[in-house]
Protein backbone atom coordinates (compact mmCIF):
# COMPACT_ATOMS: atom_id res chain seq x y z
CA MET A 1 108.93 38.07 56.23
CA SER A 2 105.39 37.41 55.02
CA ALA A 3 103.44 40.02 53.06
CA VAL A 4 101.07 40.61 56.00
CA ILE A 5 103.90 41.14 58.45
CA LYS A 6 105.66 43.42 55.99
CA ALA A 7 102.45 45.45 55.53
CA MET A 8 102.18 45.79 59.31
CA PHE A 9 105.77 46.93 59.61
CA MET A 10 105.64 49.63 56.90
CA PRO A 11 103.48 52.17 58.85
CA LEU A 12 105.68 51.69 61.91
CA GLN A 13 108.81 52.19 59.82
CA ILE A 14 107.45 55.37 58.22
CA ALA A 15 106.33 56.80 61.56
CA THR A 16 109.66 56.08 63.24
CA SER A 17 111.57 57.58 60.30
CA VAL A 18 109.59 60.82 60.51
CA ALA A 19 109.94 60.94 64.29
CA GLY A 20 113.66 60.23 64.00
CA GLY A 21 114.14 63.05 61.49
CA LEU A 22 112.33 65.52 63.72
CA LEU A 23 114.28 64.37 66.78
CA ALA A 24 117.59 64.56 64.90
CA GLY A 25 116.84 68.12 63.79
CA LYS A 26 116.16 69.19 67.37
CA VAL A 27 119.26 67.41 68.69
CA PHE A 28 121.46 68.99 66.00
CA THR A 29 120.10 72.47 66.71
CA GLU A 30 120.70 72.02 70.44
CA VAL A 31 124.25 70.73 69.92
CA TRP A 32 125.04 73.52 67.45
CA GLN A 33 123.84 76.19 69.88
CA ARG A 34 126.11 74.79 72.56
CA ILE A 35 129.27 74.61 70.44
CA SER A 36 128.79 77.65 68.21
CA PRO A 37 130.77 80.73 69.26
CA SER A 38 127.83 82.90 68.21
CA ASP A 39 124.13 82.41 68.80
CA GLN A 40 123.44 82.21 65.06
CA GLU A 41 121.63 79.41 63.29
CA PRO A 42 123.82 76.78 61.60
CA PRO A 43 125.24 78.15 58.35
CA ASP A 44 123.83 77.24 54.97
CA PRO A 45 126.66 75.89 52.77
CA LYS A 46 125.69 78.45 50.10
CA ASP A 47 125.90 81.40 52.55
CA LEU A 48 129.18 83.01 51.53
CA ASP A 49 129.01 85.51 54.41
CA ARG A 50 129.84 82.71 56.86
CA SER A 51 133.19 80.92 56.91
CA GLY A 52 133.69 77.77 54.92
CA ARG A 53 135.15 76.05 57.93
CA GLU A 54 132.02 76.78 59.95
CA ALA A 55 129.76 75.53 57.13
CA ILE A 56 131.72 72.29 56.72
CA THR A 57 131.84 71.72 60.48
CA ALA A 58 128.08 72.22 60.73
CA ALA A 59 127.45 69.83 57.83
CA ALA A 60 129.70 67.14 59.32
CA LEU A 61 128.08 67.48 62.73
CA GLN A 62 124.62 67.38 61.19
CA GLY A 63 125.47 64.18 59.30
CA LEU A 64 126.84 62.59 62.45
CA VAL A 65 123.80 63.50 64.54
CA PHE A 66 121.31 62.40 61.87
CA GLY A 67 123.12 59.10 61.38
CA LEU A 68 123.26 58.33 65.09
CA VAL A 69 119.66 59.31 65.77
CA ARG A 70 118.43 57.37 62.74
CA ALA A 71 120.26 54.24 63.88
CA LEU A 72 118.92 54.58 67.42
CA VAL A 73 115.34 55.14 66.27
CA ASP A 74 115.46 52.33 63.69
CA ARG A 75 116.88 49.97 66.28
CA ALA A 76 114.25 50.90 68.86
CA GLY A 77 111.50 50.45 66.26
CA ALA A 78 112.80 47.01 65.35
CA HIS A 79 112.93 45.98 69.01
CA GLY A 80 109.40 47.27 69.56
CA TYR A 81 108.15 45.43 66.49
CA ARG A 82 109.75 42.19 67.62
CA ALA A 83 108.31 42.61 71.12
CA VAL A 84 104.80 42.84 69.65
CA THR A 85 104.99 40.30 66.81
CA HIS A 86 107.79 37.98 68.03
CA GLN A 87 109.31 38.23 64.55
CA SER A 88 112.28 40.12 63.19
CA PRO A 89 111.37 43.04 60.87
CA GLU A 90 114.03 42.12 58.30
């Protein structure tokens, strides 16, 4: 990838990363509210008043959601970039 193409891709990559993080946070919160037995926020791993099992489950689910959303957003950004420039963003 040439330096000009790489410079064009960087702002798109940053914007999609930020958007993906925000989207992943919303998706995780929505999923957690649907599967949580209580209407509480997801537990902080350092909150010893909540069960360890609940904290680990929330962390695993959060990692899964963030990984999936990041892959989807990165893939969509790459497709969009290629549609505009006719070059791969690699």
